[in-house]
Amino acid sequence: QKALKLENPRIGLLSNGEEEGKGNQLIRDTDALLRQLSMNYIGNVEPKDVMREAVDVIVADGFLGNIFVKTFEASVSLVSHAIRDEIRANPVTSLGGLLATPAFQRVRKRTDTFEIGGAPLLGVNGVVIIGHGRSNAMAVRNAARQAALAVEGDIISAIRTGLQELEGVIHN
């Protein structure tokens, strides 16, 4: 809520299927816990749901989340290079590509992970934004901006409150 400035963000659990009961034991247990919390949890989501912006926040363990991000980056890169090659194939498509440059720039802004900069690392007592090992200057700047927003929005207090609610659910 605080980081995205959304009153009721849609939260999904990254899984191998949308149906309840999908995934390994960790995903099934996490799904059961998230269903008990007072948030806009929509259930399991697949990567396609994330790409279609059906959720505002995805929950994943570090391993699965990292694979998702790397697959997303590779897919965007593959499609971008294929489009660039096809546009450069002849003068007519080159002209079309030139005319479509503003649209391509908007798509790039939405799909370039360096535009985000990084993601919060949970489990530490403070704001830590973890970025890609090959982050460029723009990514580092955007990660620093995210860290500043997290501090300004008192994200740590919000996380503590959420964890206390989760503790109550676990112990009941």
C-alpha atoms as a PDB file:
ATOM      1  CA  GLN A   1       0.000   0.000   0.000  1.00  0.00           C
ATOM      2  CA  LYS A   2       2.680   2.463   0.996  1.00  0.00           C
ATOM      3  CA  ALA A   3       5.293   1.610  -1.617  1.00  0.00           C
ATOM      4  CA  LEU A   4       2.854   1.569  -4.532  1.00  0.00           C
ATOM      5  CA  LYS A   5       0.590   4.253  -3.082  1.00  0.00           C
ATOM      6  CA  LEU A   6      -2.423   2.028  -3.700  1.00  0.00           C
ATOM      7  CA  GLU A   7      -5.246   1.783  -1.212  1.00  0.00           C
ATOM      8  CA  ASN A   8      -5.963  -1.867  -1.933  1.00  0.00           C
ATOM      9  CA  PRO A   9      -3.181  -3.473  -4.028  1.00  0.00           C
ATOM     10  CA  ARG A  10      -3.969  -6.791  -5.676  1.00  0.00           C
ATOM     11  CA  ILE A  11      -1.609  -9.445  -4.295  1.00  0.00           C
ATOM     12  CA  GLY A  12      -0.875 -12.761  -5.972  1.00  0.00           C
ATOM     13  CA  LEU A  13       1.285 -15.744  -5.097  1.00  0.00           C
ATOM     14  CA  LEU A  14       3.515 -16.829  -7.982  1.00  0.00           C
ATOM     15  CA  SER A  15       2.768 -20.472  -8.728  1.00  0.00           C
ATOM     16  CA  ASN A  16       2.606 -23.014 -11.532  1.00  0.00           C
ATOM     17  CA  GLY A  17      -1.170 -22.692 -11.765  1.00  0.00           C
ATOM     18  CA  GLU A  18      -4.023 -20.433 -10.706  1.00  0.00           C
ATOM     19  CA  GLU A  19      -6.032 -23.127  -8.966  1.00  0.00           C
ATOM     20  CA  GLU A  20      -5.974 -23.436  -5.211  1.00  0.00           C
ATOM     21  CA  GLY A  21      -3.798 -26.391  -4.204  1.00  0.00           C
ATOM     22  CA  LYS A  22      -1.249 -25.887  -6.992  1.00  0.00           C
ATOM     23  CA  GLY A  23       2.464 -25.639  -6.303  1.00  0.00           C
ATOM     24  CA  ASN A  24       4.870 -27.275  -3.908  1.00  0.00           C
ATOM     25  CA  GLN A  25       4.265 -27.493  -0.157  1.00  0.00           C
ATOM     26  CA  LEU A  26       5.732 -24.030   0.504  1.00  0.00           C
ATOM     27  CA  ILE A  27       3.377 -22.439  -2.028  1.00  0.00           C
ATOM     28  CA  ARG A  28       0.337 -24.333  -0.730  1.00  0.00           C
ATOM     29  CA  ASP A  29       1.135 -23.377   2.882  1.00  0.00           C
ATOM     30  CA  THR A  30       1.759 -19.741   1.916  1.00  0.00           C
ATOM     31  CA  ASP A  31      -1.483 -19.644  -0.068  1.00  0.00           C
ATOM     32  CA  ALA A  32      -3.416 -20.913   2.960  1.00  0.00           C
ATOM     33  CA  LEU A  33      -1.859 -18.230   5.191  1.00  0.00           C
ATOM     34  CA  LEU A  34      -2.386 -15.383   2.729  1.00  0.00           C
ATOM     35  CA  ARG A  35      -6.070 -16.308   2.364  1.00  0.00           C
ATOM     36  CA  GLN A  36      -6.529 -15.623   6.088  1.00  0.00           C
ATOM     37  CA  LEU A  37      -5.067 -12.108   6.034  1.00  0.00           C
ATOM     38  CA  SER A  38      -7.052  -8.897   5.655  1.00  0.00           C
ATOM     39  CA  MET A  39      -5.638  -7.900   2.289  1.00  0.00           C
ATOM     40  CA  ASN A  40      -6.666  -8.019  -1.328  1.00  0.00           C
ATOM     41  CA  TYR A  41      -5.156 -11.443  -1.939  1.00  0.00           C
ATOM     42  CA  ILE A  42      -6.423 -12.843  -5.231  1.00  0.00           C
ATOM     43  CA  GLY A  43      -4.722 -16.235  -4.941  1.00  0.00           C
ATOM     44  CA  ASN A  44      -2.196 -18.084  -7.047  1.00  0.00           C
ATOM     45  CA  VAL A  45      -1.022 -16.360 -10.199  1.00  0.00           C
ATOM     46  CA  GLU A  46       0.988 -17.576 -13.158  1.00  0.00           C
ATOM     47  CA  PRO A  47       3.658 -15.512 -14.920  1.00  0.00           C
ATOM     48  CA  LYS A  48       1.131 -14.557 -17.627  1.00  0.00           C
ATOM     49  CA  ASP A  49      -1.031 -12.880 -14.966  1.00  0.00           C
ATOM     50  CA  VAL A  50       1.929 -10.814 -13.812  1.00  0.00           C
ATOM     51  CA  MET A  51       2.706  -9.781 -17.399  1.00  0.00           C
ATOM     52  CA  ARG A  52      -0.921  -8.768 -17.963  1.00  0.00           C
ATOM     53  CA  GLU A  53      -0.787  -6.661 -14.786  1.00  0.00           C
ATOM     54  CA  ALA A  54      -3.585  -8.672 -13.159  1.00  0.00           C
ATOM     55  CA  VAL A  55      -1.773  -8.102  -9.848  1.00  0.00           C
ATOM     56  CA  ASP A  56       0.095  -5.194  -8.307  1.00  0.00           C
ATOM     57  CA  VAL A  57       2.309  -7.297  -6.016  1.00  0.00           C
ATOM     58  CA  ILE A  58       3.635 -10.808  -6.426  1.00  0.00           C
ATOM     59  CA  VAL A  59       4.778 -12.941  -3.525  1.00  0.00           C
ATOM     60  CA  ALA A  60       7.517 -15.473  -4.255  1.00  0.00           C
ATOM     61  CA  ASP A  61      10.454 -17.038  -2.517  1.00  0.00           C
ATOM     62  CA  GLY A  62      13.850 -15.743  -3.610  1.00  0.00           C
ATOM     63  CA  PHE A  63      14.612 -18.678  -5.904  1.00  0.00           C
ATOM     64  CA  LEU A  64      11.344 -18.637  -7.837  1.00  0.00           C
ATOM     65  CA  GLY A  65      11.233 -14.832  -7.906  1.00  0.00           C
ATOM     66  CA  ASN A  66      14.756 -14.636  -9.312  1.00  0.00           C
ATOM     67  CA  ILE A  67      13.980 -17.179 -12.028  1.00  0.00           C
ATOM     68  CA  PHE A  68      10.833 -15.222 -12.916  1.00  0.00           C
ATOM     69  CA  VAL A  69      12.752 -11.929 -13.235  1.00  0.00           C
ATOM     70  CA  LYS A  70      15.533 -13.499 -15.313  1.00  0.00           C
ATOM     71  CA  THR A  71      13.036 -15.220 -17.620  1.00  0.00           C
ATOM     72  CA  PHE A  72      11.158 -11.932 -18.030  1.00  0.00           C
ATOM     73  CA  GLU A  73      14.393 -10.086 -18.866  1.00  0.00           C
ATOM     74  CA  ALA A  74      15.435 -12.747 -21.382  1.00  0.00           C
ATOM     75  CA  SER A  75      12.001 -12.742 -23.038  1.00  0.00           C
ATOM     76  CA  VAL A  76      11.955  -8.957 -23.368  1.00  0.00           C
ATOM     77  CA  SER A  77      15.481  -8.998 -24.799  1.00  0.00           C
ATOM     78  CA  LEU A  78      14.642 -11.732 -27.313  1.00  0.00           C
ATOM     79  CA  VAL A  79      11.505  -9.975 -28.559  1.00  0.00           C
ATOM     80  CA  SER A  80      13.233  -6.566 -28.648  1.00  0.00           C
ATOM     81  CA  HIS A  81      16.105  -7.889 -30.762  1.00  0.00           C
ATOM     82  CA  ALA A  82      13.748  -9.725 -33.114  1.00  0.00           C
ATOM     83  CA  ILE A  83      11.657  -6.576 -33.638  1.00  0.00           C
ATOM     84  CA  ARG A  84      14.788  -4.462 -34.175  1.00  0.00           C
ATOM     85  CA  ASP A  85      16.120  -6.943 -36.765  1.00  0.00           C
ATOM     86  CA  GLU A  86      12.797  -7.010 -38.624  1.00  0.00           C
ATOM     87  CA  ILE A  87      12.499  -3.221 -38.613  1.00  0.00           C
ATOM     88  CA  ARG A  88      15.997  -2.879 -40.069  1.00  0.00           C
ATOM     89  CA  ALA A  89      15.263  -5.480 -42.775  1.00  0.00           C
ATOM     90  CA  ASN A  90      14.299  -2.922 -45.443  1.00  0.00           C
ATOM     91  CA  PRO A  91      13.696   0.815 -45.918  1.00  0.00           C
ATOM     92  CA  VAL A  92       9.910   0.592 -45.599  1.00  0.00           C
ATOM     93  CA  THR A  93      10.003  -1.189 -42.239  1.00  0.00           C
ATOM     94  CA  SER A  94      12.810   1.143 -41.115  1.00  0.00           C
ATOM     95  CA  LEU A  95      10.531   4.113 -41.779  1.00  0.00           C
ATOM     96  CA  GLY A  96       7.701   2.391 -39.912  1.00  0.00           C
ATOM     97  CA  GLY A  97      10.035   1.743 -36.995  1.00  0.00           C
ATOM     98  CA  LEU A  98      11.067   5.378 -36.935  1.00  0.00           C
ATOM     99  CA  LEU A  99       7.422   6.452 -36.817  1.00  0.00           C
ATOM    100  CA  ALA A 100       6.759   3.953 -34.010  1.00  0.00           C
ATOM    101  CA  THR A 101       9.733   5.103 -31.884  1.00  0.00           C
ATOM    102  CA  PRO A 102       7.570   6.852 -29.234  1.00  0.00           C
ATOM    103  CA  ALA A 103       5.511   3.673 -28.772  1.00  0.00           C
ATOM    104  CA  PHE A 104       8.663   1.557 -28.482  1.00  0.00           C
ATOM    105  CA  GLN A 105      10.040   3.954 -25.862  1.00  0.00           C
ATOM    106  CA  ARG A 106       6.856   3.675 -23.774  1.00  0.00           C
ATOM    107  CA  VAL A 107       6.981  -0.120 -23.950  1.00  0.00           C
ATOM    108  CA  ARG A 108      10.654  -0.085 -22.966  1.00  0.00           C
ATOM    109  CA  LYS A 109       9.885   2.073 -19.944  1.00  0.00           C
ATOM    110  CA  ARG A 110       7.310  -0.518 -18.803  1.00  0.00           C
ATOM    111  CA  THR A 111       9.515  -3.567 -19.423  1.00  0.00           C
ATOM    112  CA  ASP A 112      13.071  -2.473 -18.581  1.00  0.00           C
ATOM    113  CA  THR A 113      13.933  -3.878 -15.150  1.00  0.00           C
ATOM    114  CA  PHE A 114      16.530  -1.126 -14.731  1.00  0.00           C
ATOM    115  CA  GLU A 115      13.609   1.341 -14.644  1.00  0.00           C
ATOM    116  CA  ILE A 116      12.564  -0.256 -11.339  1.00  0.00           C
ATOM    117  CA  GLY A 117      16.083  -0.556  -9.978  1.00  0.00           C
ATOM    118  CA  GLY A 118      15.543  -3.348  -7.493  1.00  0.00           C
ATOM    119  CA  ALA A 119      13.231  -4.985  -5.023  1.00  0.00           C
ATOM    120  CA  PRO A 120      13.023  -4.780  -1.245  1.00  0.00           C
ATOM    121  CA  LEU A 121      14.927  -7.486   0.593  1.00  0.00           C
ATOM    122  CA  LEU A 122      12.748  -8.660   3.428  1.00  0.00           C
ATOM    123  CA  GLY A 123      13.988 -10.145   6.667  1.00  0.00           C
ATOM    124  CA  VAL A 124      16.360  -7.376   7.677  1.00  0.00           C
ATOM    125  CA  ASN A 125      15.655  -4.625  10.175  1.00  0.00           C
ATOM    126  CA  GLY A 126      15.869  -1.732   7.755  1.00  0.00           C
ATOM    127  CA  VAL A 127      15.406  -0.706   4.149  1.00  0.00           C
ATOM    128  CA  VAL A 128      17.511  -2.759   1.734  1.00  0.00           C
ATOM    129  CA  ILE A 129      16.893  -2.710  -2.002  1.00  0.00           C
ATOM    130  CA  ILE A 130      18.552  -5.540  -3.880  1.00  0.00           C
ATOM    131  CA  GLY A 131      19.416  -4.931  -7.509  1.00  0.00           C
ATOM    132  CA  HIS A 132      20.698  -6.933 -10.428  1.00  0.00           C
ATOM    133  CA  GLY A 133      24.391  -7.822 -10.421  1.00  0.00           C
ATOM    134  CA  ARG A 134      24.764  -6.057 -13.759  1.00  0.00           C
ATOM    135  CA  SER A 135      22.764  -2.957 -12.873  1.00  0.00           C
ATOM    136  CA  ASN A 136      23.690   0.155 -14.797  1.00  0.00           C
ATOM    137  CA  ALA A 137      23.797   3.721 -13.432  1.00  0.00           C
ATOM    138  CA  MET A 138      20.088   4.249 -14.147  1.00  0.00           C
ATOM    139  CA  ALA A 139      19.183   1.104 -12.190  1.00  0.00           C
ATOM    140  CA  VAL A 140      21.302   2.168  -9.211  1.00  0.00           C
ATOM    141  CA  ARG A 141      19.694   5.620  -9.269  1.00  0.00           C
ATOM    142  CA  ASN A 142      16.213   4.088  -9.400  1.00  0.00           C
ATOM    143  CA  ALA A 143      17.065   1.653  -6.590  1.00  0.00           C
ATOM    144  CA  ALA A 144      18.203   4.607  -4.465  1.00  0.00           C
ATOM    145  CA  ARG A 145      14.931   6.378  -5.304  1.00  0.00           C
ATOM    146  CA  GLN A 146      13.006   3.281  -4.194  1.00  0.00           C
ATOM    147  CA  ALA A 147      14.971   3.170  -0.939  1.00  0.00           C
ATOM    148  CA  ALA A 148      14.206   6.841  -0.281  1.00  0.00           C
ATOM    149  CA  LEU A 149      10.502   6.267  -0.950  1.00  0.00           C
ATOM    150  CA  ALA A 150      10.552   3.270   1.403  1.00  0.00           C
ATOM    151  CA  VAL A 151      12.072   5.378   4.174  1.00  0.00           C
ATOM    152  CA  GLU A 152       9.685   8.291   3.557  1.00  0.00           C
ATOM    153  CA  GLY A 153       6.702   5.928   3.518  1.00  0.00           C
ATOM    154  CA  ASP A 154       7.838   4.202   6.727  1.00  0.00           C
ATOM    155  CA  ILE A 155       7.677   0.853   4.970  1.00  0.00           C
ATOM    156  CA  ILE A 156       9.415  -0.969   7.831  1.00  0.00           C
ATOM    157  CA  SER A 157       6.571  -0.094  10.222  1.00  0.00           C
ATOM    158  CA  ALA A 158       4.021  -1.263   7.672  1.00  0.00           C
ATOM    159  CA  ILE A 159       5.885  -4.555   7.237  1.00  0.00           C
ATOM    160  CA  ARG A 160       6.072  -5.031  11.015  1.00  0.00           C
ATOM    161  CA  THR A 161       2.320  -4.456  11.306  1.00  0.00           C
ATOM    162  CA  GLY A 162       1.677  -6.970   8.535  1.00  0.00           C
ATOM    163  CA  LEU A 163       3.956  -9.523  10.175  1.00  0.00           C
ATOM    164  CA  GLN A 164       2.151  -9.080  13.492  1.00  0.00           C
ATOM    165  CA  GLU A 165      -1.142  -9.797  11.733  1.00  0.00           C
ATOM    166  CA  LEU A 166       0.443 -12.845  10.122  1.00  0.00           C
ATOM    167  CA  GLU A 167       1.730 -14.025  13.513  1.00  0.00           C
ATOM    168  CA  GLY A 168      -1.804 -13.780  14.880  1.00  0.00           C
ATOM    169  CA  VAL A 169      -3.113 -15.939  12.044  1.00  0.00           C
ATOM    170  CA  ILE A 170      -0.367 -18.531  12.520  1.00  0.00           C
ATOM    171  CA  HIS A 171      -0.952 -18.819  16.269  1.00  0.00           C
ATOM    172  CA  ASN A 172      -4.755 -19.118  15.977  1.00  0.00           C
END
